[in-house]
PDB file of N, CA and C in Angstrom:
ATOM      1  N   ASN A   1      -5.435   5.913  16.868  1.00  0.00           N
ATOM      2  CA  ASN A   1      -5.517   4.565  15.434  1.00  0.00           C
ATOM      3  C   ASN A   1      -4.434   3.528  15.768  1.00  0.00           C
ATOM      4  N   VAL A   2      -4.655   2.240  15.207  1.00  0.00           N
ATOM      5  CA  VAL A   2      -3.346   1.121  15.815  1.00  0.00           C
ATOM      6  C   VAL A   2      -3.740   0.478  14.364  1.00  0.00           C
ATOM      7  N   LEU A   3      -1.803   0.206  13.854  1.00  0.00           N
ATOM      8  CA  LEU A   3      -2.069  -0.339  12.462  1.00  0.00           C
ATOM      9  C   LEU A   3      -1.026  -1.958  13.717  1.00  0.00           C
ATOM     10  N   VAL A   4      -1.537  -2.672  12.974  1.00  0.00           N
ATOM     11  CA  VAL A   4      -0.575  -4.408  12.869  1.00  0.00           C
ATOM     12  C   VAL A   4       0.583  -4.355  11.230  1.00  0.00           C
ATOM     13  N   THR A   5       1.766  -4.530  11.048  1.00  0.00           N
ATOM     14  CA  THR A   5       2.202  -4.932  10.255  1.00  0.00           C
ATOM     15  C   THR A   5       2.304  -6.082  10.177  1.00  0.00           C
ATOM     16  N   ASN A   6       2.935  -6.435   8.945  1.00  0.00           N
ATOM     17  CA  ASN A   6       2.780  -7.943   8.070  1.00  0.00           C
ATOM     18  C   ASN A   6       3.177  -8.767   9.300  1.00  0.00           C
ATOM     19  N   GLU A   7       4.457  -8.396   9.939  1.00  0.00           N
ATOM     20  CA  GLU A   7       4.905  -9.157  10.709  1.00  0.00           C
ATOM     21  C   GLU A   7       4.465  -9.431  12.378  1.00  0.00           C
ATOM     22  N   GLY A   8       3.484  -8.522  12.344  1.00  0.00           N
ATOM     23  CA  GLY A   8       2.207  -9.090  13.991  1.00  0.00           C
ATOM     24  C   GLY A   8       2.666  -7.743  14.757  1.00  0.00           C
ATOM     25  N   HIS A   9       4.108  -6.979  14.533  1.00  0.00           N
ATOM     26  CA  HIS A   9       3.653  -5.575  15.455  1.00  0.00           C
ATOM     27  C   HIS A   9       2.532  -4.541  15.591  1.00  0.00           C
ATOM     28  N   ILE A  10       2.605  -4.097  16.278  1.00  0.00           N
ATOM     29  CA  ILE A  10       1.258  -2.777  16.859  1.00  0.00           C
ATOM     30  C   ILE A  10       1.941  -1.627  16.358  1.00  0.00           C
ATOM     31  N   LYS A  11       1.797  -0.406  15.860  1.00  0.00           N
ATOM     32  CA  LYS A  11       2.291   0.402  15.908  1.00  0.00           C
ATOM     33  C   LYS A  11       1.080   1.587  15.834  1.00  0.00           C
ATOM     34  N   ILE A  12       1.214   2.287  16.643  1.00  0.00           N
ATOM     35  CA  ILE A  12      -0.112   3.281  17.178  1.00  0.00           C
ATOM     36  C   ILE A  12       0.479   4.604  16.716  1.00  0.00           C
ATOM     37  N   VAL A  13      -0.552   5.379  15.580  1.00  0.00           N
ATOM     38  CA  VAL A  13      -0.652   6.181  14.628  1.00  0.00           C
ATOM     39  C   VAL A  13      -0.806   7.095  14.598  1.00  0.00           C
ATOM     40  N   ASP A  14      -0.708   8.183  14.335  1.00  0.00           N
ATOM     41  CA  ASP A  14      -2.100   9.536  14.862  1.00  0.00           C
ATOM     42  C   ASP A  14      -1.779  10.235  12.941  1.00  0.00           C
ATOM     43  N   PHE A  15      -3.092  10.451  12.801  1.00  0.00           N
ATOM     44  CA  PHE A  15      -3.172  11.386  11.188  1.00  0.00           C
ATOM     45  C   PHE A  15      -3.514  12.299  11.720  1.00  0.00           C
ATOM     46  N   GLY A  16      -2.811  12.991  12.145  1.00  0.00           N
ATOM     47  CA  GLY A  16      -3.108  14.558  12.272  1.00  0.00           C
ATOM     48  C   GLY A  16      -3.097  15.375  11.315  1.00  0.00           C
ATOM     49  N   LEU A  17      -3.366  16.585  11.606  1.00  0.00           N
ATOM     50  CA  LEU A  17      -3.764  17.526  10.678  1.00  0.00           C
ATOM     51  C   LEU A  17      -2.957  18.479  10.425  1.00  0.00           C
ATOM     52  N   ALA A  18      -1.556  18.939  11.562  1.00  0.00           N
ATOM     53  CA  ALA A  18      -0.680  19.786  11.625  1.00  0.00           C
ATOM     54  C   ALA A  18       0.122  19.397  10.511  1.00  0.00           C
ATOM     55  N   ALA A  19       1.035  20.045   9.954  1.00  0.00           N
ATOM     56  CA  ALA A  19       1.965  20.016   9.100  1.00  0.00           C
ATOM     57  C   ALA A  19       3.000  21.193   9.133  1.00  0.00           C
ATOM     58  N   GLU A  20       4.412  20.598   9.210  1.00  0.00           N
ATOM     59  CA  GLU A  20       5.269  21.822   9.410  1.00  0.00           C
ATOM     60  C   GLU A  20       6.697  20.872   8.460  1.00  0.00           C
ATOM     61  N   GLY A  21       6.915  21.499   8.029  1.00  0.00           N
ATOM     62  CA  GLY A  21       8.136  20.987   7.277  1.00  0.00           C
ATOM     63  C   GLY A  21       9.234  21.981   6.803  1.00  0.00           C
ATOM     64  N   VAL A  22      10.408  21.364   5.690  1.00  0.00           N
ATOM     65  CA  VAL A  22      10.757  22.117   4.640  1.00  0.00           C
ATOM     66  C   VAL A  22      11.292  20.751   3.831  1.00  0.00           C
ATOM     67  N   PHE A  23      10.657  20.569   2.332  1.00  0.00           N
ATOM     68  CA  PHE A  23      10.540  19.400   1.318  1.00  0.00           C
ATOM     69  C   PHE A  23      11.105  21.067   0.035  1.00  0.00           C
ATOM     70  N   GLY A  24      13.118  20.663   0.182  1.00  0.00           N
ATOM     71  CA  GLY A  24      13.460  21.274  -0.878  1.00  0.00           C
ATOM     72  C   GLY A  24      13.589  22.607  -0.444  1.00  0.00           C
ATOM     73  N   LYS A  25      13.275  23.548  -1.677  1.00  0.00           N
ATOM     74  CA  LYS A  25      13.403  24.936  -0.990  1.00  0.00           C
ATOM     75  C   LYS A  25      12.059  25.543  -0.470  1.00  0.00           C
ATOM     76  N   LYS A  26      11.116  24.897  -0.271  1.00  0.00           N
ATOM     77  CA  LYS A  26       9.331  24.961  -0.418  1.00  0.00           C
ATOM     78  C   LYS A  26       9.491  24.642   1.188  1.00  0.00           C
ATOM     79  N   LYS A  27       8.842  26.002   1.770  1.00  0.00           N
ATOM     80  CA  LYS A  27       8.771  25.788   3.586  1.00  0.00           C
ATOM     81  C   LYS A  27       6.878  25.953   3.697  1.00  0.00           C
ATOM     82  N   ILE A  28       6.553  24.264   4.488  1.00  0.00           N
ATOM     83  CA  ILE A  28       4.455  24.036   4.662  1.00  0.00           C
ATOM     84  C   ILE A  28       4.431  24.337   6.010  1.00  0.00           C
ATOM     85  N   LYS A  29       3.444  25.000   6.244  1.00  0.00           N
ATOM     86  CA  LYS A  29       3.416  25.339   7.528  1.00  0.00           C
ATOM     87  C   LYS A  29       1.758  25.482   7.721  1.00  0.00           C
ATOM     88  N   GLY A  30       1.101  25.073   8.900  1.00  0.00           N
ATOM     89  CA  GLY A  30       0.137  25.160   9.568  1.00  0.00           C
ATOM     90  C   GLY A  30      -1.214  23.812   9.345  1.00  0.00           C
ATOM     91  N   ALA A  31      -1.853  23.882   8.892  1.00  0.00           N
ATOM     92  CA  ALA A  31      -3.033  22.958   9.367  1.00  0.00           C
ATOM     93  C   ALA A  31      -3.956  22.101   7.664  1.00  0.00           C
ATOM     94  N   LYS A  32      -3.389  20.609   7.694  1.00  0.00           N
ATOM     95  CA  LYS A  32      -3.493  19.887   5.997  1.00  0.00           C
ATOM     96  C   LYS A  32      -4.570  19.206   6.758  1.00  0.00           C
ATOM     97  N   GLY A  33      -5.599  19.084   5.537  1.00  0.00           N
ATOM     98  CA  GLY A  33      -6.599  17.488   5.551  1.00  0.00           C
ATOM     99  C   GLY A  33      -7.372  18.183   4.761  1.00  0.00           C
ATOM    100  N   THR A  34      -8.800  17.624   5.259  1.00  0.00           N
ATOM    101  CA  THR A  34      -9.749  17.381   4.395  1.00  0.00           C
ATOM    102  C   THR A  34     -10.955  18.244   4.757  1.00  0.00           C
ATOM    103  N   LEU A  35     -11.304  19.024   4.534  1.00  0.00           N
ATOM    104  CA  LEU A  35     -12.559  19.736   5.765  1.00  0.00           C
ATOM    105  C   LEU A  35     -13.718  19.168   5.942  1.00  0.00           C
ATOM    106  N   PRO A  36     -14.443  18.245   5.072  1.00  0.00           N
ATOM    107  CA  PRO A  36     -15.688  17.285   5.204  1.00  0.00           C
ATOM    108  C   PRO A  36     -15.564  16.094   6.609  1.00  0.00           C
ATOM    109  N   PHE A  37     -14.313  15.934   6.309  1.00  0.00           N
ATOM    110  CA  PHE A  37     -13.637  14.854   7.226  1.00  0.00           C
ATOM    111  C   PHE A  37     -12.363  15.565   8.855  1.00  0.00           C
ATOM    112  N   MET A  38     -12.338  16.572   8.921  1.00  0.00           N
ATOM    113  CA  MET A  38     -12.089  17.258   9.562  1.00  0.00           C
ATOM    114  C   MET A  38     -13.164  17.510  11.006  1.00  0.00           C
ATOM    115  N   ALA A  39     -11.960  16.947  12.430  1.00  0.00           N
ATOM    116  CA  ALA A  39     -12.972  17.720  13.303  1.00  0.00           C
ATOM    117  C   ALA A  39     -13.573  18.961  13.788  1.00  0.00           C
ATOM    118  N   PRO A  40     -14.070  19.354  14.465  1.00  0.00           N
ATOM    119  CA  PRO A  40     -14.716  20.511  14.713  1.00  0.00           C
ATOM    120  C   PRO A  40     -13.638  21.911  15.277  1.00  0.00           C
ATOM    121  N   GLU A  41     -12.652  21.182  16.079  1.00  0.00           N
ATOM    122  CA  GLU A  41     -11.977  22.024  17.345  1.00  0.00           C
ATOM    123  C   GLU A  41     -10.971  22.608  15.981  1.00  0.00           C
TER     124      GLU A  41
END
């Protein structure tokens, strides 16, 4: 995926489905996403 900023800079991004992190005292890990829009692999 390619995004263009207001200043005209190009940003290459990946809207992946894996997530891992710590938010406050809550830890998340694993696949995240909306099932109908996920790739089969």
